[in-house]
N, C-alpha and C. Protein backbone atom coordinates (compact mmCIF):
# COMPACT_ATOMS: atom_id res chain seq x y z
N MET A 1 -44.04 18.02 -1.40
CA MET A 1 -42.67 19.00 -1.50
C MET A 1 -42.98 19.00 -3.43
N GLY A 2 -42.99 18.32 -4.41
CA GLY A 2 -42.69 18.53 -6.20
C GLY A 2 -44.67 19.48 -5.89
N GLN A 3 -45.44 18.11 -4.93
CA GLN A 3 -46.54 18.92 -5.64
C GLN A 3 -46.71 20.73 -5.06
N TYR A 4 -46.18 20.91 -4.18
CA TYR A 4 -46.85 22.54 -3.74
C TYR A 4 -46.51 22.79 -4.51
N LYS A 5 -44.52 22.37 -5.47
CA LYS A 5 -44.07 23.24 -6.05
C LYS A 5 -44.62 23.44 -7.06
N ALA A 6 -44.85 22.19 -8.30
CA ALA A 6 -46.33 22.61 -9.13
C ALA A 6 -47.85 23.29 -8.83
N ASN A 7 -48.50 23.52 -6.89
CA ASN A 7 -49.70 23.95 -7.16
C ASN A 7 -48.65 25.87 -7.53
N GLN A 8 -48.25 25.59 -6.79
CA GLN A 8 -47.45 26.73 -6.68
C GLN A 8 -46.62 27.83 -8.25
N GLU A 9 -46.58 26.83 -9.16
CA GLU A 9 -46.33 27.47 -9.76
C GLU A 9 -47.24 27.50 -10.64
N MET A 10 -48.68 26.40 -10.90
CA MET A 10 -50.26 26.73 -11.28
C MET A 10 -50.43 28.16 -10.71
N ALA A 11 -50.33 28.48 -9.29
CA ALA A 11 -50.79 29.65 -9.30
C ALA A 11 -50.51 30.80 -9.74
N THR A 12 -49.05 31.26 -9.76
CA THR A 12 -48.43 32.13 -10.07
C THR A 12 -48.89 32.03 -12.17
N GLU A 13 -48.87 31.09 -12.41
CA GLU A 13 -49.05 31.32 -13.49
C GLU A 13 -50.81 32.26 -13.83
N LYS A 14 -51.78 31.02 -13.09
CA LYS A 14 -53.18 32.24 -12.85
C LYS A 14 -52.58 33.28 -12.96
N ASN A 15 -52.04 33.79 -11.35
CA ASN A 15 -52.24 35.08 -11.25
C ASN A 15 -51.70 36.31 -12.05
N HIS A 16 -51.01 36.10 -12.99
CA HIS A 16 -49.91 36.26 -14.26
C HIS A 16 -50.71 36.90 -14.92
N GLU A 17 -51.89 35.55 -15.92
CA GLU A 17 -53.53 35.75 -16.19
C GLU A 17 -54.40 36.69 -16.43
N CYS A 18 -54.75 36.72 -15.27
CA CYS A 18 -55.58 37.35 -14.26
C CYS A 18 -55.38 38.78 -14.04
N TYR A 19 -53.68 38.98 -13.61
CA TYR A 19 -53.49 40.27 -13.87
C TYR A 19 -53.42 40.99 -15.50
N VAL A 20 -52.85 40.10 -16.81
CA VAL A 20 -52.67 40.66 -17.76
C VAL A 20 -54.17 40.67 -18.86
N LEU A 21 -55.20 39.53 -18.39
CA LEU A 21 -56.39 40.62 -18.37
C LEU A 21 -57.41 41.58 -17.80
N GLY A 22 -56.96 41.63 -16.58
CA GLY A 22 -57.53 42.61 -15.81
C GLY A 22 -56.83 44.24 -16.25
N CYS A 23 -55.87 43.93 -16.23
CA CYS A 23 -55.16 45.09 -17.75
C CYS A 23 -55.50 45.62 -18.69
N LYS A 24 -55.49 44.50 -18.85
CA LYS A 24 -56.63 44.90 -20.55
C LYS A 24 -57.97 45.80 -20.82
N ALA A 25 -58.33 44.94 -19.30
CA ALA A 25 -59.98 45.84 -18.79
C ALA A 25 -60.08 46.65 -18.51
N TYR A 26 -58.60 47.24 -17.84
CA TYR A 26 -58.93 48.49 -17.69
C TYR A 26 -58.15 49.35 -18.87
N ASP A 27 -57.30 48.55 -19.58
CA ASP A 27 -57.50 50.10 -20.61
C ASP A 27 -57.89 49.96 -21.32
N ALA A 28 -59.42 49.00 -21.31
CA ALA A 28 -60.91 49.10 -22.17
C ALA A 28 -61.80 50.38 -21.48
N ASN A 29 -61.65 50.89 -20.58
CA ASN A 29 -62.68 51.27 -19.45
C ASN A 29 -63.25 50.52 -18.36
N GLU A 30 -63.05 49.05 -19.13
CA GLU A 30 -64.02 48.70 -18.25
C GLU A 30 -63.55 47.95 -16.89
N TYR A 31 -64.03 48.53 -15.90
CA TYR A 31 -63.67 48.78 -14.15
C TYR A 31 -63.94 47.97 -14.05
N HIS A 32 -65.30 47.37 -13.94
CA HIS A 32 -65.99 46.43 -13.00
C HIS A 32 -65.66 45.31 -13.65
N LYS A 33 -65.19 45.03 -14.96
CA LYS A 33 -64.22 44.00 -14.90
C LYS A 33 -63.14 43.56 -14.38
N ALA A 34 -62.37 44.62 -14.65
CA ALA A 34 -60.76 44.68 -14.44
C ALA A 34 -60.95 44.55 -13.02
N ILE A 35 -62.02 44.85 -11.86
CA ILE A 35 -61.52 45.05 -10.65
C ILE A 35 -62.32 42.98 -10.54
N THR A 36 -62.75 42.57 -11.18
CA THR A 36 -63.11 40.91 -10.98
C THR A 36 -61.75 40.28 -11.10
N LEU A 37 -61.41 40.78 -12.04
CA LEU A 37 -59.70 39.93 -12.42
C LEU A 37 -58.62 40.13 -11.49
N PHE A 38 -58.45 41.15 -11.22
CA PHE A 38 -57.19 41.54 -9.87
C PHE A 38 -58.06 40.73 -9.21
N LYS A 39 -58.88 41.11 -8.34
CA LYS A 39 -59.19 39.98 -7.75
C LYS A 39 -59.89 38.56 -7.53
N GLU A 40 -59.62 38.74 -8.84
CA GLU A 40 -59.10 36.95 -9.29
C GLU A 40 -57.43 36.65 -8.98
N SER A 41 -56.89 37.36 -9.75
CA SER A 41 -55.54 37.90 -9.28
C SER A 41 -54.65 36.95 -7.80
N LEU A 42 -55.49 38.20 -7.47
CA LEU A 42 -55.54 38.28 -5.70
C LEU A 42 -55.68 36.91 -4.94
N GLU A 43 -56.67 36.14 -5.22
CA GLU A 43 -56.86 34.72 -5.07
C GLU A 43 -55.83 33.88 -4.98
N TYR A 44 -54.82 33.97 -6.35
CA TYR A 44 -54.10 33.28 -6.51
C TYR A 44 -52.49 33.38 -5.98
N TRP A 45 -53.01 34.91 -5.66
CA TRP A 45 -51.35 35.24 -5.12
C TRP A 45 -51.32 36.72 -4.71
N PRO A 46 -52.19 35.87 -3.55
CA PRO A 46 -52.53 37.57 -2.64
C PRO A 46 -51.26 38.53 -2.14
N GLU A 47 -50.28 38.17 -2.03
CA GLU A 47 -49.07 39.42 -1.97
C GLU A 47 -48.28 39.55 -2.66
N ASP A 48 -49.71 40.34 -3.55
CA ASP A 48 -49.00 40.84 -5.04
C ASP A 48 -49.30 41.92 -5.30
N PRO A 49 -47.78 42.82 -5.18
CA PRO A 49 -48.71 44.35 -4.80
C PRO A 49 -48.60 45.14 -6.58
N GLN A 50 -48.70 44.76 -7.40
CA GLN A 50 -48.93 45.05 -8.85
C GLN A 50 -50.42 44.84 -8.68
N ALA A 51 -50.92 44.11 -8.03
CA ALA A 51 -52.73 43.46 -8.30
C ALA A 51 -52.76 44.02 -7.55
N TRP A 52 -52.83 44.14 -6.08
CA TRP A 52 -53.61 45.09 -5.39
C TRP A 52 -53.93 46.43 -5.91
N MET A 53 -52.04 47.23 -6.50
CA MET A 53 -52.15 48.41 -6.87
C MET A 53 -53.13 48.75 -8.08
N ALA A 54 -53.00 48.02 -8.61
CA ALA A 54 -53.85 47.71 -9.95
C ALA A 54 -55.39 48.42 -9.41
N LEU A 55 -56.45 47.09 -9.10
CA LEU A 55 -56.96 47.08 -8.01
C LEU A 55 -57.56 48.56 -7.60
N GLY A 56 -56.54 49.22 -6.92
CA GLY A 56 -56.75 50.81 -6.40
C GLY A 56 -56.91 51.30 -7.65
N ASN A 57 -56.19 51.24 -8.82
CA ASN A 57 -56.41 51.86 -9.54
C ASN A 57 -57.72 51.86 -9.88
N CYS A 58 -58.81 51.24 -9.72
CA CYS A 58 -59.88 50.53 -10.36
C CYS A 58 -60.64 50.94 -9.50
N TYR A 59 -60.75 50.73 -8.24
CA TYR A 59 -61.53 51.55 -7.73
C TYR A 59 -61.63 53.06 -7.07
N GLY A 60 -60.16 53.52 -7.85
CA GLY A 60 -59.95 55.47 -8.03
C GLY A 60 -61.16 55.58 -8.72
N GLU A 61 -60.47 54.64 -10.38
CA GLU A 61 -61.47 55.01 -11.75
C GLU A 61 -63.38 55.44 -11.37
N ILE A 62 -64.17 54.33 -10.19
CA ILE A 62 -65.44 54.63 -10.20
C ILE A 62 -65.48 55.29 -9.39
N LYS A 63 -64.36 56.15 -8.81
CA LYS A 63 -64.52 56.62 -8.06
C LYS A 63 -65.22 56.19 -6.37
N ARG A 64 -65.00 54.73 -5.95
CA ARG A 64 -64.35 54.43 -4.88
C ARG A 64 -63.70 54.54 -3.82
N TYR A 65 -63.84 55.27 -4.06
CA TYR A 65 -62.20 55.88 -3.41
C TYR A 65 -62.03 54.96 -1.44
N LYS A 66 -62.46 54.80 -0.59
CA LYS A 66 -62.14 53.99 0.20
C LYS A 66 -61.88 52.83 -0.01
N ASN A 67 -62.59 51.66 -1.31
CA ASN A 67 -61.91 50.83 -1.14
C ASN A 67 -60.37 50.55 -1.95
N ALA A 68 -60.24 52.39 -2.99
CA ALA A 68 -58.74 52.59 -3.30
C ALA A 68 -58.05 52.58 -2.56
N GLU A 69 -58.12 53.53 -1.19
CA GLU A 69 -57.49 53.60 -0.10
C GLU A 69 -56.97 51.98 0.22
N ASN A 70 -57.93 51.07 1.06
CA ASN A 70 -57.76 50.27 0.52
C ASN A 70 -56.81 48.95 0.38
N SER A 71 -56.96 48.89 -0.86
CA SER A 71 -56.00 48.27 -1.69
C SER A 71 -54.86 48.66 -1.52
N TYR A 72 -54.78 50.15 -1.99
CA TYR A 72 -53.13 50.68 -1.61
C TYR A 72 -52.57 50.27 -0.70
N ARG A 73 -53.22 50.33 0.34
CA ARG A 73 -52.66 49.76 2.10
C ARG A 73 -52.43 48.88 2.33
N GLN A 74 -53.39 47.64 1.03
CA GLN A 74 -52.46 45.81 1.00
C GLN A 74 -51.44 46.23 0.06
N ALA A 75 -50.94 46.44 -1.11
CA ALA A 75 -50.13 47.46 -1.71
C ALA A 75 -49.02 47.20 -0.97
N LEU A 76 -48.95 48.91 -0.41
CA LEU A 76 -47.70 48.54 1.25
C LEU A 76 -46.93 47.49 1.59
N ILE A 77 -48.35 47.47 2.08
CA ILE A 77 -47.75 45.63 3.23
C ILE A 77 -46.27 44.72 1.97
N TYR A 78 -46.44 45.15 0.45
CA TYR A 78 -45.69 44.12 0.48
C TYR A 78 -44.74 44.90 -0.63
N LEU A 79 -44.41 45.59 -0.48
CA LEU A 79 -43.39 46.79 -0.66
C LEU A 79 -41.92 47.33 -0.54
N ASP A 80 -41.27 47.05 -0.91
CA ASP A 80 -39.92 47.57 -0.65
C ASP A 80 -39.99 49.16 -0.30
N ASP A 81 -39.26 49.48 0.38
CA ASP A 81 -39.15 50.96 0.85
C ASP A 81 -39.50 52.34 0.17
N GLN A 82 -37.78 51.71 -1.04
CA GLN A 82 -38.10 52.07 -2.25
C GLN A 82 -39.63 52.42 -3.65
N LYS A 83 -39.91 51.72 -3.30
CA LYS A 83 -42.00 51.65 -3.90
C LYS A 83 -42.06 52.50 -3.77
N LYS A 84 -42.53 52.26 -1.78
CA LYS A 84 -43.07 52.66 -0.98
C LYS A 84 -43.11 54.49 -2.25
N LYS A 85 -42.07 54.93 -1.95
CA LYS A 85 -42.30 56.58 -2.32
C LYS A 85 -43.49 56.57 -3.39
N THR A 86 -43.14 55.90 -4.30
CA THR A 86 -44.46 55.90 -5.66
C THR A 86 -45.31 55.28 -5.79
N TYR A 87 -46.40 54.67 -4.16
CA TYR A 87 -47.32 54.37 -5.09
C TYR A 87 -47.81 55.13 -3.37
N TYR A 88 -46.40 55.69 -2.60
CA TYR A 88 -47.15 56.73 -1.90
C TYR A 88 -48.03 57.54 -2.30
N LEU A 89 -47.18 58.40 -3.64
CA LEU A 89 -47.84 59.20 -4.33
C LEU A 89 -48.94 58.79 -5.38
N ILE A 90 -48.51 57.85 -5.91
CA ILE A 90 -50.13 57.60 -6.68
C ILE A 90 -51.52 57.36 -5.43
N TRP A 91 -51.11 56.95 -4.55
CA TRP A 91 -52.27 56.98 -3.53
C TRP A 91 -52.57 58.44 -2.57
N GLY A 92 -51.52 59.44 -3.26
CA GLY A 92 -52.09 61.36 -2.90
C GLY A 92 -52.94 61.57 -4.05
N ILE A 93 -52.30 61.55 -5.56
CA ILE A 93 -52.77 61.76 -6.48
C ILE A 93 -54.68 61.09 -6.04
N VAL A 94 -54.70 60.39 -5.94
CA VAL A 94 -56.25 59.49 -5.24
C VAL A 94 -57.43 60.59 -4.91
N CYS A 95 -56.21 60.72 -3.18
CA CYS A 95 -56.93 61.74 -2.67
C CYS A 95 -57.51 62.79 -2.97
N SER A 96 -56.22 63.40 -3.82
CA SER A 96 -56.43 65.18 -4.16
C SER A 96 -57.58 65.33 -5.49
N THR A 97 -58.07 64.00 -5.75
CA THR A 97 -59.46 64.08 -7.06
C THR A 97 -60.67 64.37 -6.09
N LYS A 98 -60.50 63.89 -5.24
CA LYS A 98 -62.10 63.76 -4.09
C LYS A 98 -61.55 64.89 -3.56
N ALA A 99 -60.74 65.76 -3.27
CA ALA A 99 -60.81 67.05 -2.94
C ALA A 99 -60.39 66.95 -0.81
N ASP A 100 -59.36 65.77 -0.88
CA ASP A 100 -58.71 66.05 0.59
C ASP A 100 -57.93 65.88 0.77
N ILE A 101 -57.31 66.94 0.26
CA ILE A 101 -55.61 67.26 0.53
C ILE A 101 -55.06 67.36 1.59
N PRO A 102 -55.64 68.07 2.81
CA PRO A 102 -54.90 67.34 3.71
C PRO A 102 -54.47 66.12 4.17
N LYS A 103 -56.03 65.38 3.72
CA LYS A 103 -55.25 63.85 3.64
C LYS A 103 -54.22 63.21 2.88
N GLN A 104 -54.12 63.58 1.10
CA GLN A 104 -52.88 63.49 0.42
C GLN A 104 -51.69 63.71 0.96
N LEU A 105 -51.58 65.39 1.90
CA LEU A 105 -50.70 65.48 2.08
C LEU A 105 -49.40 65.03 4.00
N GLY A 106 -50.15 64.31 4.33
CA GLY A 106 -50.08 63.54 5.30
C GLY A 106 -49.94 62.30 5.01
N VAL A 107 -50.44 61.37 3.95
CA VAL A 107 -49.69 60.28 3.36
C VAL A 107 -48.11 60.83 2.51
N ILE A 108 -48.19 61.11 1.88
CA ILE A 108 -47.18 61.25 1.32
C ILE A 108 -46.17 61.43 2.26
N ASN A 109 -46.34 62.56 3.21
CA ASN A 109 -44.93 63.43 3.92
C ASN A 109 -44.97 61.98 4.78
N SER A 110 -45.63 60.69 5.12
CA SER A 110 -45.60 59.97 6.32
C SER A 110 -44.53 58.55 5.83
């Protein structure tokens, strides 16, 4: 039990470390580097909705919309209902950047 907790704490720290570095890369418009870091973050905690959302944002910035959509869908799995509304809105905005208005409205209304 103690070893599991130690491993869990280390994974949480590594997840956070990679996430913070990914955010810095994103802010510097280094989207491919940020993608790598957010993916690494998710290796340590695959149920991290913020990392999934950040990964989706990176994909949106490089116009890989299907990857963005898949990342946002993963984020939704791990969110409570209130937070899901915000994520639906962001997902809708990404859809609108590729002129997919019918899909945007369907996502927001679901």
